[in-house]
C-alpha atoms as a PDB file:
ATOM      1  CA  MET A   1      23.211  -5.422   1.493  1.00  0.00           C
ATOM      2  CA  GLN A   2      21.911  -1.939   1.041  1.00  0.00           C
ATOM      3  CA  LEU A   3      19.759  -1.533  -2.058  1.00  0.00           C
ATOM      4  CA  GLN A   4      20.516   1.621  -4.089  1.00  0.00           C
ATOM      5  CA  ASN A   5      18.565   2.060  -7.353  1.00  0.00           C
ATOM      6  CA  GLU A   6      17.688   5.050  -9.400  1.00  0.00           C
ATOM      7  CA  VAL A   7      15.042   4.734 -12.083  1.00  0.00           C
ATOM      8  CA  ARG A   8      15.043   7.351 -14.891  1.00  0.00           C
ATOM      9  CA  TYR A   9      12.674   7.819 -17.701  1.00  0.00           C
ATOM     10  CA  LYS A  10      12.863  11.122 -19.699  1.00  0.00           C
ATOM     11  CA  ASP A  11      12.695  13.870 -17.100  1.00  0.00           C
ATOM     12  CA  GLU A  12      11.365  11.715 -14.215  1.00  0.00           C
ATOM     13  CA  SER A  13      13.562  10.136 -11.577  1.00  0.00           C
ATOM     14  CA  PHE A  14      13.417   8.430  -8.229  1.00  0.00           C
ATOM     15  CA  TYR A  15      15.943   7.246  -5.625  1.00  0.00           C
ATOM     16  CA  ILE A  16      15.131   4.104  -3.748  1.00  0.00           C
ATOM     17  CA  GLY A  17      17.735   3.007  -1.234  1.00  0.00           C
ATOM     18  CA  ASN A  18      18.862   2.932   2.298  1.00  0.00           C
ATOM     19  CA  GLY A  19      15.346   2.196   3.459  1.00  0.00           C
ATOM     20  CA  THR A  20      13.764   5.183   1.824  1.00  0.00           C
ATOM     21  CA  PHE A  21      11.690   6.072  -1.343  1.00  0.00           C
ATOM     22  CA  VAL A  22      12.635   9.609  -2.246  1.00  0.00           C
ATOM     23  CA  THR A  23      11.451  12.092  -4.802  1.00  0.00           C
ATOM     24  CA  SER A  24      11.718  15.923  -4.961  1.00  0.00           C
ATOM     25  CA  ASP A  25       8.316  16.179  -3.265  1.00  0.00           C
ATOM     26  CA  ILE A  26       8.230  13.481  -0.675  1.00  0.00           C
ATOM     27  CA  CYS A  27      10.339  11.006   1.319  1.00  0.00           C
ATOM     28  CA  ILE A  28       8.640   7.787   2.433  1.00  0.00           C
ATOM     29  CA  PRO A  29      10.442   5.224   4.669  1.00  0.00           C
ATOM     30  CA  LEU A  30      10.081   1.841   2.968  1.00  0.00           C
ATOM     31  CA  ASN A  31       8.968   0.258   6.307  1.00  0.00           C
ATOM     32  CA  ALA A  32       5.972   2.777   6.456  1.00  0.00           C
ATOM     33  CA  ILE A  33       4.677   1.414   3.081  1.00  0.00           C
ATOM     34  CA  SER A  34       1.746  -1.124   3.617  1.00  0.00           C
ATOM     35  CA  THR A  35       0.684  -1.719   0.067  1.00  0.00           C
ATOM     36  CA  ILE A  36       2.014  -1.362  -3.484  1.00  0.00           C
ATOM     37  CA  LYS A  37      -0.360  -1.782  -6.418  1.00  0.00           C
ATOM     38  CA  VAL A  38       0.095  -1.455 -10.123  1.00  0.00           C
ATOM     39  CA  GLN A  39      -3.077   0.109 -11.584  1.00  0.00           C
ATOM     40  CA  GLY A  40      -4.074  -0.583 -15.158  1.00  0.00           C
ATOM     41  CA  LYS A  41      -6.020   1.647 -17.461  1.00  0.00           C
ATOM     42  CA  LYS A  42      -9.726   2.035 -17.012  1.00  0.00           C
ATOM     43  CA  THR A  43     -11.875  -0.448 -18.942  1.00  0.00           C
ATOM     44  CA  ILE A  44     -14.393   0.711 -21.594  1.00  0.00           C
ATOM     45  CA  ASN A  45     -18.034   0.086 -20.716  1.00  0.00           C
ATOM     46  CA  LEU A  46     -19.949  -0.517 -23.911  1.00  0.00           C
ATOM     47  CA  ASN A  47     -23.224  -1.659 -22.265  1.00  0.00           C
ATOM     48  CA  LEU A  48     -25.049   1.512 -23.096  1.00  0.00           C
ATOM     49  CA  VAL A  49     -23.222   2.599 -26.345  1.00  0.00           C
ATOM     50  CA  LEU A  50     -23.722  -0.533 -28.422  1.00  0.00           C
ATOM     51  CA  PRO A  51     -27.506  -0.725 -27.795  1.00  0.00           C
ATOM     52  CA  MET A  52     -27.784   2.920 -28.609  1.00  0.00           C
ATOM     53  CA  ILE A  53     -26.062   2.412 -31.964  1.00  0.00           C
ATOM     54  CA  ALA A  54     -28.077  -0.768 -32.696  1.00  0.00           C
ATOM     55  CA  ILE A  55     -31.408   1.091 -31.885  1.00  0.00           C
ATOM     56  CA  GLY A  56     -30.279   3.966 -34.131  1.00  0.00           C
ATOM     57  CA  VAL A  57     -29.645   1.663 -37.015  1.00  0.00           C
ATOM     58  CA  LEU A  58     -33.104   0.017 -36.566  1.00  0.00           C
ATOM     59  CA  LEU A  59     -34.826   3.442 -36.508  1.00  0.00           C
ATOM     60  CA  LEU A  60     -33.074   4.345 -39.725  1.00  0.00           C
ATOM     61  CA  LEU A  61     -34.984   1.581 -41.415  1.00  0.00           C
ATOM     62  CA  ILE A  62     -38.315   3.179 -40.484  1.00  0.00           C
ATOM     63  CA  PRO A  63     -38.885   6.253 -42.740  1.00  0.00           C
ATOM     64  CA  SER A  64     -40.949   8.180 -40.133  1.00  0.00           C
ATOM     65  CA  LEU A  65     -38.268   7.688 -37.475  1.00  0.00           C
ATOM     66  CA  ARG A  66     -35.135   8.302 -39.488  1.00  0.00           C
ATOM     67  CA  ILE A  67     -34.402  11.661 -37.819  1.00  0.00           C
ATOM     68  CA  ALA A  68     -34.453  10.041 -34.406  1.00  0.00           C
ATOM     69  CA  GLY A  69     -32.481   7.153 -35.764  1.00  0.00           C
ATOM     70  CA  CYS A  70     -29.808   9.486 -37.155  1.00  0.00           C
ATOM     71  CA  PHE A  71     -29.650  11.293 -33.802  1.00  0.00           C
ATOM     72  CA  LEU A  72     -29.158   8.067 -31.720  1.00  0.00           C
ATOM     73  CA  PHE A  73     -26.686   6.695 -34.255  1.00  0.00           C
ATOM     74  CA  ALA A  74     -24.572   9.850 -34.230  1.00  0.00           C
ATOM     75  CA  CYS A  75     -24.708  10.109 -30.427  1.00  0.00           C
ATOM     76  CA  GLY A  76     -23.628   6.455 -30.058  1.00  0.00           C
ATOM     77  CA  LEU A  77     -20.638   6.920 -32.439  1.00  0.00           C
ATOM     78  CA  ILE A  78     -19.588  10.098 -30.709  1.00  0.00           C
ATOM     79  CA  THR A  79     -19.865   8.451 -27.272  1.00  0.00           C
ATOM     80  CA  LEU A  80     -17.864   5.458 -28.483  1.00  0.00           C
ATOM     81  CA  GLY A  81     -15.167   7.672 -29.956  1.00  0.00           C
ATOM     82  CA  CYS A  82     -14.921   9.641 -26.693  1.00  0.00           C
ATOM     83  CA  LEU A  83     -14.547   6.424 -24.650  1.00  0.00           C
ATOM     84  CA  PHE A  84     -11.768   5.180 -26.836  1.00  0.00           C
ATOM     85  CA  LEU A  85     -10.093   8.644 -26.607  1.00  0.00           C
ATOM     86  CA  VAL A  86     -10.175   8.589 -22.891  1.00  0.00           C
ATOM     87  CA  ARG A  87      -8.833   5.034 -22.878  1.00  0.00           C
ATOM     88  CA  TYR A  88      -6.027   6.135 -25.098  1.00  0.00           C
ATOM     89  CA  LEU A  89      -5.076   9.199 -22.999  1.00  0.00           C
ATOM     90  CA  ASP A  90      -5.410   7.257 -19.754  1.00  0.00           C
ATOM     91  CA  LYS A  91      -2.184   6.318 -17.930  1.00  0.00           C
ATOM     92  CA  TYR A  92      -1.017   3.338 -15.887  1.00  0.00           C
ATOM     93  CA  GLY A  93      -0.538   4.097 -12.169  1.00  0.00           C
ATOM     94  CA  LEU A  94       1.563   2.950  -9.209  1.00  0.00           C
ATOM     95  CA  VAL A  95      -0.356   3.227  -5.944  1.00  0.00           C
ATOM     96  CA  ILE A  96       1.697   3.425  -2.793  1.00  0.00           C
ATOM     97  CA  GLN A  97      -0.254   3.290   0.410  1.00  0.00           C
ATOM     98  CA  VAL A  98       1.361   4.000   3.812  1.00  0.00           C
ATOM     99  CA  ASN A  99       0.377   2.519   7.176  1.00  0.00           C
ATOM    100  CA  SER A 100      -1.812   5.579   8.055  1.00  0.00           C
ATOM    101  CA  GLY A 101      -4.111   4.776   5.100  1.00  0.00           C
ATOM    102  CA  VAL A 102      -2.901   7.689   2.941  1.00  0.00           C
ATOM    103  CA  SER A 103      -2.219   6.763  -0.687  1.00  0.00           C
ATOM    104  CA  TYR A 104      -0.099   8.330  -3.354  1.00  0.00           C
ATOM    105  CA  LEU A 105      -0.500   7.744  -7.069  1.00  0.00           C
ATOM    106  CA  PHE A 106       2.204   8.050  -9.694  1.00  0.00           C
ATOM    107  CA  GLU A 107       0.927   7.933 -13.319  1.00  0.00           C
ATOM    108  CA  HIS A 108       2.843   7.123 -16.432  1.00  0.00           C
ATOM    109  CA  GLU A 109       2.067   5.910 -19.961  1.00  0.00           C
ATOM    110  CA  ASP A 110       4.727   3.164 -19.856  1.00  0.00           C
ATOM    111  CA  LEU A 111       3.464   0.046 -18.000  1.00  0.00           C
ATOM    112  CA  GLU A 112       6.994  -1.554 -17.950  1.00  0.00           C
ATOM    113  CA  PHE A 113       8.320   1.573 -16.276  1.00  0.00           C
ATOM    114  CA  ILE A 114       5.694   1.400 -13.534  1.00  0.00           C
ATOM    115  CA  ARG A 115       6.451  -2.315 -13.004  1.00  0.00           C
ATOM    116  CA  LYS A 116      10.151  -1.607 -12.773  1.00  0.00           C
ATOM    117  CA  ILE A 117       9.552   0.960 -10.020  1.00  0.00           C
ATOM    118  CA  ALA A 118       7.269  -1.467  -8.175  1.00  0.00           C
ATOM    119  CA  ASP A 119       9.894  -4.256  -8.343  1.00  0.00           C
ATOM    120  CA  ILE A 120      12.622  -1.989  -7.057  1.00  0.00           C
ATOM    121  CA  ILE A 121      10.476  -0.879  -4.093  1.00  0.00           C
ATOM    122  CA  ARG A 122       9.600  -4.531  -3.354  1.00  0.00           C
ATOM    123  CA  LYS A 123      13.380  -5.316  -3.213  1.00  0.00           C
ATOM    124  CA  GLY A 124      13.855  -2.225  -1.024  1.00  0.00           C
ATOM    125  CA  LEU A 125      11.133  -3.531   1.273  1.00  0.00           C
ATOM    126  CA  ASP A 126      12.845  -6.774   1.543  1.00  0.00           C
ATOM    127  CA  ASP A 127      16.143  -5.063   2.321  1.00  0.00           C
ATOM    128  CA  SER A 128      14.640  -2.667   4.891  1.00  0.00           C
ATOM    129  CA  MET A 129      13.015  -5.678   6.751  1.00  0.00           C
ATOM    130  CA  LYS A 130      16.542  -7.222   7.067  1.00  0.00           C
ATOM    131  CA  ASN A 131      18.350  -4.021   8.157  1.00  0.00           C
ATOM    132  CA  THR A 132      15.968  -2.193  10.443  1.00  0.00           C
ATOM    133  CA  THR A 133      17.904  -0.825  13.405  1.00  0.00           C
ATOM    134  CA  PHE A 134      16.464   0.499  16.566  1.00  0.00           C
ATOM    135  CA  VAL A 135      18.536   2.948  18.724  1.00  0.00           C
ATOM    136  CA  ASP A 136      17.562   2.508  22.415  1.00  0.00           C
ATOM    137  CA  MET A 137      18.457   6.093  23.351  1.00  0.00           C
ATOM    138  CA  SER A 138      15.943   7.727  21.152  1.00  0.00           C
ATOM    139  CA  ASN A 139      14.389   5.041  19.130  1.00  0.00           C
ATOM    140  CA  SER A 140      15.367   6.999  15.948  1.00  0.00           C
ATOM    141  CA  MET A 141      16.510   5.920  12.511  1.00  0.00           C
ATOM    142  CA  ILE A 142      18.876   8.190  10.523  1.00  0.00           C
ATOM    143  CA  LYS A 143      18.182   8.331   6.814  1.00  0.00           C
ATOM    144  CA  PRO A 144      19.849  10.335   4.113  1.00  0.00           C
ATOM    145  CA  ASN A 145      18.003  12.615   1.717  1.00  0.00           C
ATOM    146  CA  PHE A 146      18.235  12.624  -2.072  1.00  0.00           C
ATOM    147  CA  ASN A 147      16.680  14.640  -4.896  1.00  0.00           C
ATOM    148  CA  GLY A 148      14.535  13.487  -7.806  1.00  0.00           C
ATOM    149  CA  ASN A 149      12.038  15.021 -10.196  1.00  0.00           C
ATOM    150  CA  PRO A 150       8.708  13.065 -10.167  1.00  0.00           C
ATOM    151  CA  SER A 151       5.011  13.896 -10.503  1.00  0.00           C
ATOM    152  CA  PHE A 152       2.933  12.614  -7.559  1.00  0.00           C
ATOM    153  CA  GLN A 153      -0.697  13.054  -6.656  1.00  0.00           C
ATOM    154  CA  ASN A 154      -2.047  12.552  -3.169  1.00  0.00           C
ATOM    155  CA  PHE A 155      -5.649  11.361  -3.340  1.00  0.00           C
ATOM    156  CA  GLY A 156      -6.226  10.977   0.404  1.00  0.00           C
ATOM    157  CA  GLU A 157      -7.653   8.076   2.464  1.00  0.00           C
ATOM    158  CA  ASN A 158      -7.888   4.784   0.690  1.00  0.00           C
ATOM    159  CA  ASN A 159      -8.135   1.352   2.249  1.00  0.00           C
ATOM    160  CA  GLN A 160      -9.306  -0.733  -0.586  1.00  0.00           C
ATOM    161  CA  PHE A 161      -5.998  -2.400  -1.507  1.00  0.00           C
ATOM    162  CA  ASP A 162      -4.746  -5.722  -0.107  1.00  0.00           C
ATOM    163  CA  ASN A 163      -1.098  -6.543   0.860  1.00  0.00           C
ATOM    164  CA  THR A 164      -0.330  -7.791  -2.626  1.00  0.00           C
ATOM    165  CA  MET A 165       2.100  -6.330  -5.162  1.00  0.00           C
ATOM    166  CA  ILE A 166       1.662  -6.984  -8.911  1.00  0.00           C
ATOM    167  CA  THR A 167       4.954  -6.993 -10.859  1.00  0.00           C
ATOM    168  CA  GLY A 168       6.610  -8.535 -13.834  1.00  0.00           C
ATOM    169  CA  SER A 169       5.647  -8.775 -17.582  1.00  0.00           C
ATOM    170  CA  THR A 170       3.020 -11.484 -16.767  1.00  0.00           C
ATOM    171  CA  GLY A 171       1.321  -9.492 -14.099  1.00  0.00           C
ATOM    172  CA  GLU A 172       2.142 -12.151 -11.492  1.00  0.00           C
ATOM    173  CA  ALA A 173       0.914 -11.458  -7.969  1.00  0.00           C
ATOM    174  CA  ARG A 174       3.437 -11.921  -5.271  1.00  0.00           C
ATOM    175  CA  LYS A 175       3.496 -11.333  -1.486  1.00  0.00           C
ATOM    176  CA  ASP A 176       6.370  -9.425   0.081  1.00  0.00           C
ATOM    177  CA  SER A 177       8.805 -10.771   2.709  1.00  0.00           C
ATOM    178  CA  ARG A 178       6.507  -9.834   5.571  1.00  0.00           C
ATOM    179  CA  ASP A 179       4.120 -12.637   4.549  1.00  0.00           C
ATOM    180  CA  THR A 180       6.726 -15.352   4.946  1.00  0.00           C
ATOM    181  CA  ILE A 181       7.079 -15.345   8.792  1.00  0.00           C
ATOM    182  CA  SER A 182       7.863 -18.739  10.223  1.00  0.00           C
ATOM    183  CA  ASN A 183       5.790 -19.332  13.429  1.00  0.00           C
ATOM    184  CA  THR A 184       5.814 -22.289  15.736  1.00  0.00           C
ATOM    185  CA  THR A 185       4.016 -20.743  18.669  1.00  0.00           C
ATOM    186  CA  VAL A 186       0.563 -19.909  17.200  1.00  0.00           C
ATOM    187  CA  ASN A 187      -1.233 -21.951  19.852  1.00  0.00           C
ATOM    188  CA  ALA A 188       0.222 -19.814  22.641  1.00  0.00           C
ATOM    189  CA  PHE A 189      -2.896 -17.600  22.400  1.00  0.00           C
ATOM    190  CA  SER A 190      -6.449 -18.115  21.299  1.00  0.00           C
ATOM    191  CA  GLU A 191      -7.886 -16.652  18.160  1.00  0.00           C
ATOM    192  CA  GLU A 192      -9.792 -14.123  20.276  1.00  0.00           C
ATOM    193  CA  GLU A 193      -6.668 -13.144  22.155  1.00  0.00           C
ATOM    194  CA  TRP A 194      -4.643 -12.582  18.939  1.00  0.00           C
ATOM    195  CA  HIS A 195      -7.588 -10.520  17.587  1.00  0.00           C
ATOM    196  CA  LYS A 196      -7.747  -8.407  20.681  1.00  0.00           C
ATOM    197  CA  MET A 197      -3.959  -7.686  20.562  1.00  0.00           C
ATOM    198  CA  GLU A 198      -4.180  -6.796  16.869  1.00  0.00           C
ATOM    199  CA  THR A 199      -7.112  -4.416  17.508  1.00  0.00           C
ATOM    200  CA  TYR A 200      -5.296  -2.784  20.444  1.00  0.00           C
ATOM    201  CA  PHE A 201      -2.127  -2.088  18.341  1.00  0.00           C
ATOM    202  CA  HIS A 202      -4.104  -0.782  15.442  1.00  0.00           C
ATOM    203  CA  LYS A 203      -6.139   1.620  17.685  1.00  0.00           C
ATOM    204  CA  ARG A 204      -3.065   2.618  19.705  1.00  0.00           C
ATOM    205  CA  ALA A 205      -1.065   3.420  16.515  1.00  0.00           C
ATOM    206  CA  ALA A 206      -4.011   5.626  15.322  1.00  0.00           C
ATOM    207  CA  ASP A 207      -4.107   7.450  18.712  1.00  0.00           C
ATOM    208  CA  LEU A 208      -0.338   7.999  18.680  1.00  0.00           C
ATOM    209  CA  GLY A 209      -0.153   9.278  15.134  1.00  0.00           C
ATOM    210  CA  GLU A 210       2.754   8.938  12.620  1.00  0.00           C
ATOM    211  CA  GLY A 211       4.723  11.758  14.313  1.00  0.00           C
ATOM    212  CA  ASN A 212       5.140   9.705  17.458  1.00  0.00           C
ATOM    213  CA  GLN A 213       8.316   7.545  17.767  1.00  0.00           C
ATOM    214  CA  ALA A 214       6.214   4.661  19.057  1.00  0.00           C
ATOM    215  CA  TYR A 215       3.902   4.645  15.926  1.00  0.00           C
ATOM    216  CA  LEU A 216       6.124   2.433  13.737  1.00  0.00           C
ATOM    217  CA  PRO A 217       6.785  -0.175  16.411  1.00  0.00           C
ATOM    218  CA  CYS A 218       3.098  -0.252  17.235  1.00  0.00           C
ATOM    219  CA  LYS A 219       2.246  -0.890  13.550  1.00  0.00           C
ATOM    220  CA  LYS A 220       4.784  -3.712  13.369  1.00  0.00           C
ATOM    221  CA  MET A 221       3.367  -5.268  16.502  1.00  0.00           C
ATOM    222  CA  GLU A 222      -0.077  -5.076  14.864  1.00  0.00           C
ATOM    223  CA  LEU A 223       1.328  -6.965  11.875  1.00  0.00           C
ATOM    224  CA  CYS A 224       2.857  -9.639  14.142  1.00  0.00           C
ATOM    225  CA  ALA A 225      -0.480 -10.077  15.987  1.00  0.00           C
ATOM    226  CA  ARG A 226      -2.342 -10.408  12.735  1.00  0.00           C
ATOM    227  CA  LYS A 227       0.128 -13.192  11.605  1.00  0.00           C
ATOM    228  CA  LYS A 228       0.196 -14.748  15.160  1.00  0.00           C
ATOM    229  CA  ASP A 229       3.897 -14.307  15.154  1.00  0.00           C
ATOM    230  CA  LEU A 230       4.857 -14.567  18.882  1.00  0.00           C
ATOM    231  CA  GLN A 231       8.571 -14.630  18.228  1.00  0.00           C
ATOM    232  CA  GLY A 232       8.222 -11.413  16.197  1.00  0.00           C
ATOM    233  CA  LEU A 233       6.363  -9.717  19.084  1.00  0.00           C
ATOM    234  CA  TRP A 234       8.967 -10.652  21.565  1.00  0.00           C
ATOM    235  CA  LYS A 235      11.814  -9.463  19.270  1.00  0.00           C
ATOM    236  CA  LEU A 236      10.042  -6.046  18.818  1.00  0.00           C
ATOM    237  CA  MET A 237       9.331  -5.675  22.577  1.00  0.00           C
ATOM    238  CA  LYS A 238      13.001  -6.334  23.396  1.00  0.00           C
ATOM    239  CA  GLY A 239      14.352  -4.105  20.643  1.00  0.00           C
ATOM    240  CA  ILE A 240      12.307  -0.827  20.872  1.00  0.00           C
ATOM    241  CA  GLY A 241      13.495   0.047  24.372  1.00  0.00           C
ATOM    242  CA  LYS A 242      11.667   0.411  27.697  1.00  0.00           C
ATOM    243  CA  THR A 243      10.327   3.916  27.130  1.00  0.00           C
ATOM    244  CA  THR A 244       8.755   3.134  23.827  1.00  0.00           C
ATOM    245  CA  LEU A 245       7.290  -0.154  25.052  1.00  0.00           C
ATOM    246  CA  VAL A 246       5.637   1.674  28.005  1.00  0.00           C
ATOM    247  CA  THR A 247       4.163   4.180  25.495  1.00  0.00           C
ATOM    248  CA  VAL A 248       2.811   1.401  23.285  1.00  0.00           C
ATOM    249  CA  LEU A 249       1.231  -0.552  26.216  1.00  0.00           C
ATOM    250  CA  GLU A 250       0.084   2.560  28.187  1.00  0.00           C
ATOM    251  CA  LYS A 251      -3.586   2.060  27.436  1.00  0.00           C
ATOM    252  CA  MET A 252      -3.806  -1.682  27.880  1.00  0.00           C
ATOM    253  CA  SER A 253      -5.826  -1.489  31.113  1.00  0.00           C
ATOM    254  CA  GLU A 254      -8.341   0.933  29.595  1.00  0.00           C
ATOM    255  CA  SER A 255      -8.756  -1.324  26.636  1.00  0.00           C
ATOM    256  CA  GLY A 256      -9.331  -4.521  28.630  1.00  0.00           C
ATOM    257  CA  VAL A 257      -6.254  -6.422  27.356  1.00  0.00           C
ATOM    258  CA  GLU A 258      -3.955  -6.077  30.437  1.00  0.00           C
ATOM    259  CA  ALA A 259      -4.253  -9.767  31.235  1.00  0.00           C
ATOM    260  CA  ILE A 260      -3.285 -10.811  27.677  1.00  0.00           C
ATOM    261  CA  PHE A 261      -0.171  -8.636  27.629  1.00  0.00           C
ATOM    262  CA  ARG A 262       0.890  -9.693  31.145  1.00  0.00           C
ATOM    263  CA  LYS A 263       0.685 -13.279  29.782  1.00  0.00           C
ATOM    264  CA  LEU A 264       2.687 -12.216  26.757  1.00  0.00           C
ATOM    265  CA  ILE A 265       5.382 -10.666  28.840  1.00  0.00           C
ATOM    266  CA  SER A 266       5.530 -13.606  31.348  1.00  0.00           C
ATOM    267  CA  MET A 267       6.239 -16.014  28.383  1.00  0.00           C
ATOM    268  CA  MET A 268       9.022 -13.766  26.974  1.00  0.00           C
ATOM    269  CA  PRO A 269      12.465 -15.504  26.950  1.00  0.00           C
ATOM    270  CA  LYS A 270      15.011 -13.936  29.210  1.00  0.00           C
END
């Protein structure tokens, strides 16, 4: 089943379907998204404001210090008003982080609208995981283009978010489908060997860059190694084609993991 959803609110629109998240400014493959996070409004810190107002009130009771008291009290009230104004004007955000670490922030005053977008992207992620197709000839995926009218802000490198998406009116935290891998072969490799494989795939993907056709398979292998999903690794190695697999494993000797990958390949079902 291919998910096709368009969310509209006033003059803002998105298209999420066929494995892509599309706006007028950017097109992101859903399988390139590593994290989705709903971002609330900034909290108001009253640790300095309330003591300032309290001290101002106390100084007003002392005749010789009333001027200073009035000044502190007025400054406290003005600061408090500014904090509440900033809070009022602040917007809710949806942070979308891709595998490279680059994050995009969409802001809107309606929290339910943000949560609705997040939920549709989550469903699209589930759908893209079920329908990913590799073409052996070029290892390419053909995706359609659509138009929307959003407002996006790129704020660069950011790795502080975990792999959790917050959605729903209760703010329930849920994991996406990639965290429900069934694995019965964890003991095939030691913890150290799994860690070395994960580290290799992570570094190799960074060296290749997002423009390389082997980048996405490399990131998926990194995820499988992190989850100790041997079946998933075998499936990817069989599906991506010989040329791409050679590109992914090209630096294994230099990285000191050749023996581990030879063991992995020797165990692969025919």
